[in-house]
Amino acid sequence: MKKVKMLSTLVAFSIMLAGCASSANPQTPAATSAGTDTAAATAAPVKKNLTVAYSEGGTTLDPAEANDLTSDTLVLAAYDQLVTYGIKTENGASIANTEDIKPMLAESWEVNADNTVYTFKLKSGVSFQSGNPVDAEAVAYSFERVAKSSSGSFLYGMASIKSVTVKDASTVEVTLTGANHNFLQILAMYTFSIVDQKTVEAQGADYLKTNAAGSGPFKLTKWDPATEAVFTANDSYWQGAPSLGKVTLKFTKEASNRVLLLGKGDVDMAIEIPPKDVSTLETNKALTVASNASNRILFFAMNNKVKPFDNVKVRQAINYAIPYDQLLSGVMYGQAKQMKSAVASNTPGFTDAGYVYEYNLDKAKALLKEAGYEKGFDFDFTLGSGFDDWEDDAVLIQAELAKIGVNMKINKLARAQFLEQQKTNNLTSYISKWTSFVNDPGYHLGFLLYGKGSSNYINYQNAEVDKLWEQANLETDTAKRTELYKQAQEIITTEAPWAYLYEYNRIVGMSNKISGYAFYPDEVIRFYPLSITE
């Protein structure tokens, strides 16, 4: 058995990490008595409150079922996980390093010789907000919920988890079906938050949909998806009391209103800032705009089982008809970069091998002729609402396709309907984005382009890609694994199941008084490391 990392030497550092630390009992904290100890009251620093503008109110508080940005944020503000990510600095910015796994609720862990059995030792003395202890039974219960969930079960399988065994009150053994280099990275995700088993069993199966039961630094006191969510500090948190006294998420659908609120100082932070507004916000000396290259990609999806997109030459022709420069400058105002692989360019193992596409209508016409569509064709394109750039992109692409005789009929759907339709695997074509929470090609391709991937909504099937992915998933040698992923990327790029559009920058506007912000690949803001100065 080889010893991995001990928390005892890292507690002070982990407090600074933008990790997934949080807690959550929905009860309002008892009011503290005022004026009973003048000296203590004088000595205690006055905590600052943080208000953040979000676009949507979320759909659930259940860690095993959360799969939208706001729900994920709520979960990570209310729960701890066994492990968390380290932080690195790039170009002066703090960024999570998902390859650097740090202890959290797990004080340490051991791994057997073939990397298939992980034995976690839990930190002693940690309690849920209810007062119940964080123990091995709660960990096993939490993992079992993920395995049975509709949202998290695929991730459970991707982590190669075979069984979870309670060895004693503070020891949990996780056995894998085979070595998996992404196991610990996946374990740090919000999905694998540790929940208070006793509270959930006492309250009923649906309790976690609208309530939280975690062990971290903040208590959930309100969640109304139409208006706001409110968290208050847990001053007895095991890593130390949060610097913030209260965190309020204001749900503000219109991007222009979020920008206005931030500019006026009515909120301290705002997410999903439109690229066109970045330059204006940057002139406000009271604000900082963090614009980080992200793992969020945007692609033009073509259903590989629906004519004419079952023909690879047609799909390649579409790739040559995309006005890439117009999308980057006219739509994204330089807050994105051209996408040249199925995975983002800042992903380890990225390659643009096989990428030959450029805006070239003559080449597009020639490919259509080879495919038997010299006169063009008509097709249905489904546009989900909620993102201005998607609509602008669709209109620009539609105009270019018309020049080669292709009639793209845009059908608009509300976002909720679009997401439901997308899951049927029957949409002919659409634009969609994706963010890989784990910065690894296997995670990314496993969801989207592996034949059995749970988000492979365009029916892309390639036996060689599947074989390469499966081999890489079991390969322990990093160099060999990277080569397998590169081969898969090249095949995918050549077969063009998507037209690659761009990689987003993650844009967050905030007051200059805020410190401690770090960018994470999942794009979720961690509140625990944040503080506000005068």
Protein backbone atom coordinates (compact mmCIF):
# COMPACT_ATOMS: atom_id res chain seq x y z
CA MET A 1 0.00 0.00 0.00
CA LYS A 2 1.35 3.36 -0.87
CA LYS A 3 0.57 6.32 1.34
CA VAL A 4 -0.90 9.36 -0.37
CA LYS A 5 -1.49 12.80 1.24
CA MET A 6 -2.03 13.82 4.85
CA LEU A 7 -4.28 16.70 5.79
CA SER A 8 -2.39 17.63 8.90
CA THR A 9 0.28 19.51 6.94
CA LEU A 10 -2.20 21.07 4.56
CA VAL A 11 -5.03 22.48 6.67
CA ALA A 12 -3.74 26.02 6.63
CA PHE A 13 -3.25 25.89 2.86
CA SER A 14 -6.59 24.23 2.17
CA ILE A 15 -8.40 27.05 3.94
CA MET A 16 -7.15 29.33 1.19
CA LEU A 17 -8.20 26.99 -1.56
CA ALA A 18 -11.31 27.71 -3.55
CA GLY A 19 -12.41 24.18 -2.73
CA CYS A 20 -15.87 22.81 -2.53
CA ALA A 21 -16.21 23.54 1.18
CA SER A 22 -19.72 24.29 2.42
CA SER A 23 -22.59 23.29 4.66
CA ALA A 24 -26.26 23.37 4.86
CA ASN A 25 -29.03 23.13 7.34
CA PRO A 26 -32.10 25.00 6.17
CA GLN A 27 -33.00 26.16 9.67
CA THR A 28 -32.46 29.85 10.34
CA PRO A 29 -29.62 30.24 12.86
CA ALA A 30 -30.64 31.21 16.36
CA ALA A 31 -30.30 34.95 17.00
CA THR A 32 -27.25 35.88 19.03
CA SER A 33 -27.64 37.99 22.14
CA ALA A 34 -26.43 41.56 21.78
CA GLY A 35 -24.65 43.64 24.37
CA THR A 36 -23.96 40.84 26.84
CA ASP A 37 -20.21 40.99 26.40
CA THR A 38 -19.02 44.40 25.32
CA ALA A 39 -15.37 43.43 25.12
CA ALA A 40 -16.04 40.38 22.96
CA ALA A 41 -18.36 42.35 20.72
CA THR A 42 -15.73 45.02 20.28
CA ALA A 43 -13.01 42.50 19.46
CA ALA A 44 -15.07 40.52 16.92
CA PRO A 45 -14.61 41.82 13.35
CA VAL A 46 -17.73 42.89 11.50
CA LYS A 47 -18.31 40.44 8.67
CA LYS A 48 -19.13 41.67 5.20
CA ASN A 49 -22.00 40.36 3.13
CA LEU A 50 -21.69 39.34 -0.52
CA THR A 51 -24.39 39.74 -3.18
CA VAL A 52 -24.01 38.03 -6.55
CA ALA A 53 -26.21 38.36 -9.66
CA TYR A 54 -27.01 35.04 -11.33
CA SER A 55 -29.06 34.43 -14.46
CA GLU A 56 -31.13 31.47 -13.29
CA GLY A 57 -32.45 30.20 -9.96
CA GLY A 58 -31.45 26.55 -10.21
CA THR A 59 -33.58 23.41 -10.23
CA THR A 60 -32.53 21.33 -7.21
CA LEU A 61 -30.42 21.32 -4.07
CA ASP A 62 -29.75 17.58 -4.33
CA PRO A 63 -26.02 17.04 -5.02
CA ALA A 64 -26.66 13.78 -6.86
CA GLU A 65 -29.14 15.41 -9.24
CA ALA A 66 -27.75 18.92 -9.74
CA ASN A 67 -26.59 19.59 -13.31
CA ASP A 68 -27.01 23.31 -14.01
CA LEU A 69 -24.66 26.12 -13.01
CA THR A 70 -26.83 27.64 -10.29
CA SER A 71 -27.78 24.31 -8.72
CA ASP A 72 -24.12 23.31 -8.75
CA THR A 73 -23.23 26.61 -7.05
CA LEU A 74 -25.85 26.08 -4.36
CA VAL A 75 -24.54 22.60 -3.68
CA LEU A 76 -20.90 23.67 -3.45
CA ALA A 77 -21.93 26.43 -1.05
CA ALA A 78 -23.57 23.86 1.19
CA TYR A 79 -21.48 20.68 1.17
CA ASP A 80 -18.00 19.22 1.55
CA GLN A 81 -16.48 16.42 -0.49
CA LEU A 82 -13.84 13.82 0.41
CA VAL A 83 -11.20 15.61 -1.67
CA THR A 84 -10.80 18.93 -3.45
CA TYR A 85 -8.62 20.59 -6.09
CA GLY A 86 -5.43 22.54 -5.64
CA ILE A 87 -4.85 26.06 -6.92
CA LYS A 88 -2.22 27.31 -9.36
CA THR A 89 -1.38 30.75 -10.72
CA GLU A 90 -1.34 31.45 -14.46
CA ASN A 91 -0.72 34.91 -15.87
CA GLY A 92 -1.43 36.38 -12.45
CA ALA A 93 -4.79 34.64 -12.08
CA SER A 94 -5.71 31.96 -9.53
CA ILE A 95 -6.96 28.85 -11.30
CA ALA A 96 -7.98 25.45 -9.98
CA ASN A 97 -5.65 22.60 -10.85
CA THR A 98 -7.90 19.56 -11.20
CA GLU A 99 -4.89 17.28 -11.49
CA ASP A 100 -3.68 18.31 -8.01
CA ILE A 101 -5.92 16.53 -5.53
CA LYS A 102 -5.98 17.78 -1.94
CA PRO A 103 -7.58 16.25 1.18
CA MET A 104 -10.89 17.64 2.41
CA LEU A 105 -13.18 15.47 4.55
CA ALA A 106 -10.73 12.67 3.84
CA GLU A 107 -7.67 13.27 6.01
CA SER A 108 -5.65 10.78 3.99
CA TRP A 109 -6.00 7.85 1.63
CA GLU A 110 -4.10 4.77 0.55
CA VAL A 111 -4.15 3.02 -2.83
CA ASN A 112 -3.32 -0.61 -3.55
CA ALA A 113 -0.64 -1.65 -6.03
CA ASP A 114 -2.89 -1.85 -9.10
CA ASN A 115 -4.82 1.36 -8.29
CA THR A 116 -8.17 -0.36 -7.89
CA VAL A 117 -8.78 -0.02 -4.13
CA TYR A 118 -8.77 3.37 -2.37
CA THR A 119 -8.99 3.42 1.43
CA PHE A 120 -10.01 6.82 2.82
CA LYS A 121 -9.44 7.87 6.43
CA LEU A 122 -11.88 10.59 7.46
CA LYS A 123 -10.91 13.67 9.42
CA SER A 124 -11.98 13.33 13.04
CA GLY A 125 -14.33 15.70 14.83
CA VAL A 126 -16.22 16.98 11.77
CA SER A 127 -20.00 17.32 12.12
CA PHE A 128 -22.87 18.12 9.84
CA GLN A 129 -24.87 21.26 10.55
CA SER A 130 -27.35 19.08 12.44
CA GLY A 131 -24.63 18.01 14.84
CA ASN A 132 -24.52 14.48 13.44
CA PRO A 133 -20.96 13.24 12.83
CA VAL A 134 -19.47 12.97 9.35
CA ASP A 135 -18.70 9.27 9.37
CA ALA A 136 -18.06 6.39 7.02
CA GLU A 137 -21.74 5.42 6.95
CA ALA A 138 -22.64 8.88 5.64
CA VAL A 139 -19.98 8.58 2.93
CA ALA A 140 -21.24 5.18 1.79
CA TYR A 141 -24.82 6.46 1.85
CA SER A 142 -23.87 9.50 -0.25
CA PHE A 143 -22.12 7.36 -2.86
CA GLU A 144 -25.10 5.00 -3.00
CA ARG A 145 -27.38 7.96 -3.76
CA VAL A 146 -25.16 8.95 -6.68
CA ALA A 147 -25.19 5.41 -8.06
CA LYS A 148 -29.01 5.41 -8.05
CA SER A 149 -29.53 8.96 -9.31
CA SER A 150 -30.80 9.88 -12.75
CA SER A 151 -28.14 12.56 -13.22
CA GLY A 152 -25.07 11.33 -11.34
CA SER A 153 -25.19 7.62 -12.16
CA PHE A 154 -23.29 7.98 -15.44
CA LEU A 155 -20.58 9.90 -13.60
CA TYR A 156 -20.50 7.13 -10.99
CA GLY A 157 -19.84 4.68 -13.81
CA MET A 158 -17.26 6.95 -15.40
CA ALA A 159 -15.39 6.90 -12.08
CA SER A 160 -15.32 3.07 -12.38
CA ILE A 161 -16.74 2.59 -8.88
CA LYS A 162 -17.61 -1.04 -8.17
CA SER A 163 -18.35 -0.95 -4.44
CA VAL A 164 -18.08 1.19 -1.32
CA THR A 165 -17.40 -0.56 1.98
CA VAL A 166 -17.47 0.83 5.52
CA LYS A 167 -14.42 -0.55 7.33
CA ASP A 168 -15.01 1.33 10.57
CA ALA A 169 -16.55 4.63 11.67
CA SER A 170 -13.78 6.69 10.08
CA THR A 171 -12.61 4.44 7.23
CA VAL A 172 -14.19 3.86 3.83
CA GLU A 173 -12.92 1.53 1.12
CA VAL A 174 -13.82 2.25 -2.52
CA THR A 175 -13.16 -0.55 -5.01
CA LEU A 176 -12.99 0.19 -8.73
CA THR A 177 -13.71 -2.06 -11.67
CA GLY A 178 -10.28 -1.14 -13.00
CA ALA A 179 -7.60 1.53 -12.63
CA ASN A 180 -9.07 4.95 -13.46
CA HIS A 181 -6.83 8.03 -13.69
CA ASN A 182 -9.86 10.32 -13.32
CA PHE A 183 -11.26 8.74 -10.17
CA LEU A 184 -10.02 11.31 -7.65
CA GLN A 185 -10.76 14.21 -9.98
CA ILE A 186 -14.36 13.06 -10.33
CA LEU A 187 -14.61 12.50 -6.57
CA ALA A 188 -13.91 16.20 -5.98
CA MET A 189 -17.03 17.20 -7.93
CA TYR A 190 -20.22 18.50 -6.32
CA THR A 191 -22.00 15.28 -7.30
CA PHE A 192 -20.02 13.38 -4.66
CA SER A 193 -20.84 15.76 -1.83
CA ILE A 194 -21.25 14.00 1.51
CA VAL A 195 -24.78 14.32 2.86
CA ASP A 196 -26.17 13.90 6.36
CA GLN A 197 -27.71 10.44 6.18
CA LYS A 198 -29.56 10.63 9.48
CA THR A 199 -31.23 13.94 8.65
CA VAL A 200 -32.28 12.82 5.16
CA GLU A 201 -33.70 9.53 6.40
CA ALA A 202 -35.62 11.34 9.14
CA GLN A 203 -37.02 13.99 6.77
CA GLY A 204 -37.86 11.78 3.79
CA ALA A 205 -36.58 11.01 0.30
CA ASP A 206 -37.52 14.37 -1.25
CA TYR A 207 -35.94 16.48 1.47
CA LEU A 208 -32.76 17.24 -0.46
CA LYS A 209 -34.60 18.67 -3.45
CA THR A 210 -35.34 21.87 -1.55
CA ASN A 211 -33.12 21.62 1.54
CA ALA A 212 -29.46 21.05 2.23
CA ALA A 213 -27.78 18.74 4.73
CA GLY A 214 -24.04 19.24 4.56
CA SER A 215 -21.02 19.92 6.74
CA GLY A 216 -19.41 23.04 5.35
CA PRO A 217 -18.92 26.77 5.99
CA PHE A 218 -22.36 28.11 5.02
CA LYS A 219 -25.92 27.37 6.06
CA LEU A 220 -28.70 27.63 3.53
CA THR A 221 -31.44 29.87 4.97
CA LYS A 222 -33.52 30.58 1.86
CA TRP A 223 -33.93 29.32 -1.69
CA ASP A 224 -36.58 30.74 -4.00
CA PRO A 225 -35.66 29.93 -7.63
CA ALA A 226 -37.66 32.93 -8.80
CA THR A 227 -35.89 35.52 -6.66
CA GLU A 228 -32.88 34.62 -4.52
CA ALA A 229 -30.91 32.19 -2.40
CA VAL A 230 -29.36 33.17 0.93
CA PHE A 231 -26.56 31.54 2.91
CA THR A 232 -25.26 32.53 6.34
CA ALA A 233 -21.87 31.72 7.80
CA ASN A 234 -21.22 28.68 9.95
CA ASP A 235 -18.83 30.15 12.50
CA SER A 236 -17.96 26.70 13.89
CA TYR A 237 -16.86 25.31 10.52
CA TRP A 238 -14.02 22.80 10.88
CA GLN A 239 -11.68 24.73 8.55
CA GLY A 240 -12.40 28.01 10.32
CA ALA A 241 -15.23 30.51 10.18
CA PRO A 242 -15.89 32.10 6.76
CA SER A 243 -14.84 35.69 6.23
CA LEU A 244 -18.27 36.47 4.78
CA GLY A 245 -21.26 36.76 7.08
CA LYS A 246 -23.91 36.24 4.41
CA VAL A 247 -24.01 35.35 0.71
CA THR A 248 -27.05 36.30 -1.36
CA LEU A 249 -27.60 35.11 -4.92
CA LYS A 250 -29.95 37.45 -6.81
CA PHE A 251 -31.56 35.69 -9.77
CA THR A 252 -31.58 38.22 -12.60
CA LYS A 253 -32.49 36.72 -15.97
CA GLU A 254 -31.60 39.63 -18.25
CA ALA A 255 -27.87 40.03 -18.79
CA SER A 256 -28.25 43.78 -19.26
CA ASN A 257 -29.79 44.04 -15.79
CA ARG A 258 -26.91 42.09 -14.24
CA VAL A 259 -24.47 44.47 -15.88
CA LEU A 260 -26.47 47.47 -14.66
CA LEU A 261 -26.63 46.18 -11.08
CA LEU A 262 -22.89 45.56 -11.06
CA GLY A 263 -22.06 48.94 -12.53
CA LYS A 264 -24.19 50.75 -9.95
CA GLY A 265 -22.71 48.77 -7.07
CA ASP A 266 -26.04 47.14 -6.19
CA VAL A 267 -24.36 43.73 -6.37
CA ASP A 268 -20.76 42.82 -5.56
CA MET A 269 -20.35 40.24 -8.33
CA ALA A 270 -22.14 39.25 -11.54
CA ILE A 271 -21.69 36.22 -13.76
CA GLU A 272 -22.41 35.57 -17.44
CA ILE A 273 -21.42 39.06 -18.49
CA PRO A 274 -22.07 39.63 -22.22
CA PRO A 275 -18.81 40.01 -24.16
CA LYS A 276 -19.98 43.33 -25.62
CA ASP A 277 -20.13 44.83 -22.11
CA VAL A 278 -16.65 43.84 -20.96
CA SER A 279 -14.85 46.89 -22.33
CA THR A 280 -17.35 49.26 -20.67
CA LEU A 281 -17.10 47.52 -17.29
CA GLU A 282 -13.32 47.62 -17.49
CA THR A 283 -13.46 51.42 -17.50
CA ASN A 284 -15.18 51.37 -14.09
CA LYS A 285 -12.35 51.84 -11.59
CA ALA A 286 -14.41 50.25 -8.82
CA LEU A 287 -14.62 46.94 -10.68
CA THR A 288 -12.44 44.06 -11.80
CA VAL A 289 -13.41 41.90 -14.75
CA ALA A 290 -11.96 38.38 -14.64
CA SER A 291 -11.91 36.86 -18.13
CA ASN A 292 -10.41 33.37 -18.08
CA ALA A 293 -9.96 30.89 -20.91
CA SER A 294 -12.38 28.12 -20.00
CA ASN A 295 -13.27 24.55 -20.88
CA ARG A 296 -16.65 25.73 -22.14
CA ILE A 297 -17.04 25.02 -25.84
CA LEU A 298 -19.74 25.87 -28.38
CA PHE A 299 -20.42 23.59 -31.30
CA PHE A 300 -22.82 23.23 -34.23
CA ALA A 301 -24.21 19.72 -33.78
CA MET A 302 -25.41 17.57 -36.67
CA ASN A 303 -27.36 14.37 -36.07
CA ASN A 304 -25.18 11.68 -37.62
CA LYS A 305 -28.16 9.36 -38.16
CA VAL A 306 -30.36 11.87 -39.96
CA LYS A 307 -30.03 12.67 -43.69
CA PRO A 308 -28.10 14.48 -45.04
CA PHE A 309 -25.87 14.63 -41.97
CA ASP A 310 -25.30 10.88 -42.07
CA ASN A 311 -22.89 11.74 -44.91
CA VAL A 312 -19.43 12.77 -43.67
CA LYS A 313 -18.82 14.99 -46.72
CA VAL A 314 -21.94 17.01 -45.92
CA ARG A 315 -20.75 17.52 -42.36
CA GLN A 316 -17.33 18.56 -43.62
CA ALA A 317 -18.97 20.99 -46.06
CA ILE A 318 -20.80 22.68 -43.18
CA ASN A 319 -17.45 23.11 -41.43
CA TYR A 320 -16.11 25.02 -44.42
CA ALA A 321 -19.15 27.31 -44.49
CA ILE A 322 -18.82 28.66 -40.93
CA PRO A 323 -17.76 32.35 -40.79
CA TYR A 324 -15.34 31.81 -37.92
CA ASP A 325 -13.84 35.31 -37.84
CA GLN A 326 -17.28 36.93 -37.75
CA LEU A 327 -18.30 34.77 -34.81
CA LEU A 328 -15.19 35.60 -32.80
CA SER A 329 -15.11 39.34 -33.46
CA GLY A 330 -18.68 40.33 -34.29
CA VAL A 331 -20.46 38.11 -31.76
CA MET A 332 -17.91 37.41 -29.02
CA TYR A 333 -15.94 40.69 -29.15
CA GLY A 334 -12.68 38.81 -28.70
CA GLN A 335 -13.87 37.02 -25.54
CA ALA A 336 -13.47 33.59 -27.14
CA LYS A 337 -11.03 31.66 -29.32
CA GLN A 338 -11.59 29.40 -32.29
CA MET A 339 -12.23 25.78 -31.41
CA LYS A 340 -10.08 23.26 -33.29
CA SER A 341 -10.77 19.96 -31.55
CA ALA A 342 -13.64 18.25 -29.80
CA VAL A 343 -11.92 19.17 -26.51
CA ALA A 344 -10.86 22.62 -25.34
CA SER A 345 -7.33 23.73 -26.14
CA ASN A 346 -6.36 24.14 -22.47
CA THR A 347 -7.10 20.47 -21.80
CA PRO A 348 -4.04 18.25 -21.24
CA GLY A 349 -3.69 16.02 -24.29
CA PHE A 350 -5.39 18.47 -26.66
CA THR A 351 -4.45 18.22 -30.33
CA ASP A 352 -5.69 20.03 -33.43
CA ALA A 353 -4.45 17.20 -35.65
CA GLY A 354 -6.93 16.67 -38.47
CA TYR A 355 -8.26 20.21 -38.28
CA VAL A 356 -8.19 21.53 -41.85
CA TYR A 357 -11.32 23.66 -41.83
CA GLU A 358 -11.48 27.32 -42.68
CA TYR A 359 -14.12 29.60 -44.12
CA ASN A 360 -14.13 28.49 -47.78
CA LEU A 361 -17.44 28.37 -49.61
CA ASP A 362 -15.88 26.97 -52.78
CA LYS A 363 -14.55 24.00 -50.82
CA ALA A 364 -17.97 23.60 -49.16
CA LYS A 365 -19.70 23.53 -52.57
CA ALA A 366 -17.24 20.97 -53.91
CA LEU A 367 -17.86 18.66 -50.95
CA LEU A 368 -21.62 18.98 -51.34
CA LYS A 369 -21.28 18.01 -55.00
CA GLU A 370 -19.21 14.94 -54.04
CA ALA A 371 -21.90 14.01 -51.51
CA GLY A 372 -24.66 14.23 -54.12
CA TYR A 373 -26.12 17.52 -52.90
CA GLU A 374 -24.89 19.85 -55.64
CA LYS A 375 -28.15 21.83 -55.49
CA GLY A 376 -28.08 22.00 -51.72
CA PHE A 377 -30.78 20.88 -49.28
CA ASP A 378 -33.14 22.04 -46.56
CA PHE A 379 -32.79 21.14 -42.90
CA ASP A 380 -34.30 21.99 -39.51
CA PHE A 381 -32.16 23.76 -36.95
CA THR A 382 -33.37 24.02 -33.33
CA LEU A 383 -32.32 27.13 -31.42
CA GLY A 384 -32.59 27.03 -27.65
CA SER A 385 -33.31 30.35 -25.98
CA GLY A 386 -31.34 32.09 -23.26
CA PHE A 387 -28.04 32.92 -24.97
CA ASP A 388 -27.72 35.94 -27.21
CA ASP A 389 -24.60 34.65 -28.93
CA TRP A 390 -26.36 31.47 -30.01
CA GLU A 391 -28.98 33.44 -31.89
CA ASP A 392 -26.41 35.75 -33.47
CA ASP A 393 -24.31 32.74 -34.49
CA ALA A 394 -27.30 30.96 -35.99
CA VAL A 395 -28.28 33.95 -38.12
CA LEU A 396 -24.73 34.39 -39.44
CA ILE A 397 -24.36 30.68 -40.25
CA GLN A 398 -27.78 30.61 -41.88
CA ALA A 399 -26.74 33.44 -44.22
CA GLU A 400 -23.52 31.69 -45.26
CA LEU A 401 -25.22 28.35 -45.86
CA ALA A 402 -27.75 30.06 -48.12
CA LYS A 403 -24.85 31.04 -50.38
CA ILE A 404 -24.17 27.34 -51.11
CA GLY A 405 -27.82 26.41 -51.57
CA VAL A 406 -28.43 25.08 -48.07
CA ASN A 407 -31.64 26.32 -46.43
CA MET A 408 -31.30 26.29 -42.64
CA LYS A 409 -34.77 26.65 -41.09
CA ILE A 410 -34.40 28.06 -37.58
CA ASN A 411 -36.96 26.80 -35.07
CA LYS A 412 -36.81 28.54 -31.69
CA LEU A 413 -37.57 26.75 -28.43
CA ALA A 414 -37.60 27.85 -24.79
CA ARG A 415 -34.51 26.53 -23.07
CA ALA A 416 -36.33 23.95 -20.94
CA GLN A 417 -38.05 22.52 -24.02
CA PHE A 418 -34.81 22.56 -25.97
CA LEU A 419 -33.02 20.56 -23.28
CA GLU A 420 -35.82 18.00 -23.23
CA GLN A 421 -35.82 17.70 -27.02
CA GLN A 422 -32.04 17.40 -27.09
CA LYS A 423 -32.17 14.38 -24.81
CA THR A 424 -34.35 12.49 -27.30
CA ASN A 425 -31.41 12.26 -29.74
CA ASN A 426 -33.83 13.23 -32.52
CA LEU A 427 -32.96 16.87 -33.21
CA THR A 428 -31.55 17.28 -36.72
CA SER A 429 -29.21 20.13 -35.85
CA TYR A 430 -28.63 22.65 -33.08
CA ILE A 431 -26.04 24.77 -31.30
CA SER A 432 -25.00 23.70 -27.82
CA LYS A 433 -22.33 24.41 -25.24
CA TRP A 434 -20.52 22.07 -22.88
CA THR A 435 -18.24 22.58 -19.92
CA SER A 436 -15.98 19.75 -18.76
CA PHE A 437 -15.72 19.97 -14.99
CA VAL A 438 -12.74 17.63 -15.01
CA ASN A 439 -9.98 18.94 -17.26
CA ASP A 440 -9.29 15.65 -19.04
CA PRO A 441 -10.06 14.38 -22.58
CA GLY A 442 -11.48 11.12 -21.24
CA TYR A 443 -14.09 12.89 -19.14
CA HIS A 444 -15.03 15.19 -22.00
CA LEU A 445 -15.19 12.61 -24.80
CA GLY A 446 -16.78 10.02 -22.53
CA PHE A 447 -19.87 12.16 -22.11
CA LEU A 448 -20.18 13.63 -25.58
CA LEU A 449 -18.69 11.43 -28.31
CA TYR A 450 -18.14 7.98 -26.84
CA GLY A 451 -20.74 5.70 -28.41
CA LYS A 452 -22.41 5.01 -25.04
CA GLY A 453 -21.95 8.53 -23.67
CA SER A 454 -24.92 9.89 -21.78
CA SER A 455 -24.73 13.23 -23.63
CA ASN A 456 -23.99 11.86 -27.11
CA TYR A 457 -27.18 13.42 -28.44
CA ILE A 458 -26.12 13.46 -32.11
CA ASN A 459 -25.69 9.68 -32.39
CA TYR A 460 -22.02 9.74 -33.27
CA GLN A 461 -20.73 6.18 -33.46
CA ASN A 462 -17.19 5.17 -34.30
CA ALA A 463 -15.88 1.80 -33.13
CA GLU A 464 -12.25 2.94 -33.30
CA VAL A 465 -12.94 6.04 -31.18
CA ASP A 466 -14.77 3.90 -28.64
CA LYS A 467 -11.87 1.44 -28.48
CA LEU A 468 -9.32 4.22 -28.04
CA TRP A 469 -11.40 5.81 -25.27
CA GLU A 470 -11.80 2.51 -23.43
CA GLN A 471 -8.08 1.76 -23.70
CA ALA A 472 -7.14 5.24 -22.49
CA ASN A 473 -9.54 5.02 -19.56
CA LEU A 474 -7.58 2.04 -18.23
CA GLU A 475 -4.09 3.21 -19.20
CA THR A 476 -1.98 4.27 -16.20
CA ASP A 477 0.93 5.63 -18.24
CA THR A 478 0.22 9.31 -18.90
CA ALA A 479 2.15 9.53 -22.17
CA LYS A 480 0.47 6.43 -23.63
CA ARG A 481 -2.94 7.62 -22.48
CA THR A 482 -2.41 11.04 -24.05
CA GLU A 483 -1.46 9.45 -27.37
CA LEU A 484 -4.66 7.38 -27.37
CA TYR A 485 -6.76 10.48 -26.73
CA LYS A 486 -4.96 12.36 -29.50
CA GLN A 487 -5.73 9.59 -31.97
CA ALA A 488 -9.40 9.73 -30.98
CA GLN A 489 -9.51 13.51 -31.38
CA GLU A 490 -8.02 13.33 -34.87
CA ILE A 491 -10.58 10.77 -36.02
CA ILE A 492 -13.43 12.82 -34.60
CA THR A 493 -12.20 16.06 -36.18
CA THR A 494 -11.88 14.38 -39.57
CA GLU A 495 -15.36 12.84 -39.36
CA ALA A 496 -16.82 16.20 -38.28
CA PRO A 497 -19.85 15.17 -36.20
CA TRP A 498 -19.86 18.83 -35.13
CA ALA A 499 -18.74 22.07 -36.67
CA TYR A 500 -16.41 23.55 -34.05
CA LEU A 501 -17.36 27.14 -33.22
CA TYR A 502 -15.45 28.59 -30.27
CA GLU A 503 -14.12 28.26 -26.74
CA TYR A 504 -15.62 30.78 -24.33
CA ASN A 505 -13.85 32.96 -21.85
CA ARG A 506 -15.47 32.75 -18.42
CA ILE A 507 -16.34 36.35 -17.54
CA VAL A 508 -17.05 37.42 -13.96
CA GLY A 509 -17.37 41.04 -12.91
CA MET A 510 -16.68 41.97 -9.30
CA SER A 511 -15.98 44.80 -6.92
CA ASN A 512 -12.33 45.65 -6.38
CA LYS A 513 -12.96 45.07 -2.67
CA ILE A 514 -13.32 41.30 -3.22
CA SER A 515 -10.31 39.05 -2.81
CA GLY A 516 -9.86 35.28 -2.94
CA TYR A 517 -11.57 34.61 -6.27
CA ALA A 518 -10.29 31.62 -8.24
CA PHE A 519 -11.45 30.26 -11.58
CA TYR A 520 -12.58 26.62 -11.69
CA PRO A 521 -13.21 24.51 -14.83
CA ASP A 522 -16.77 23.87 -13.64
CA GLU A 523 -17.23 27.69 -13.56
CA VAL A 524 -18.76 27.53 -10.08
CA ILE A 525 -17.76 30.30 -7.68
CA ARG A 526 -16.51 29.03 -4.31
CA PHE A 527 -17.60 31.51 -1.62
CA TYR A 528 -15.55 30.24 1.31
CA PRO A 529 -12.20 31.74 0.21
CA LEU A 530 -13.76 35.12 -0.61
CA SER A 531 -13.46 38.19 1.57
CA ILE A 532 -14.43 41.84 1.23
CA THR A 533 -12.29 44.73 2.42
CA GLU A 534 -13.25 48.35 3.03
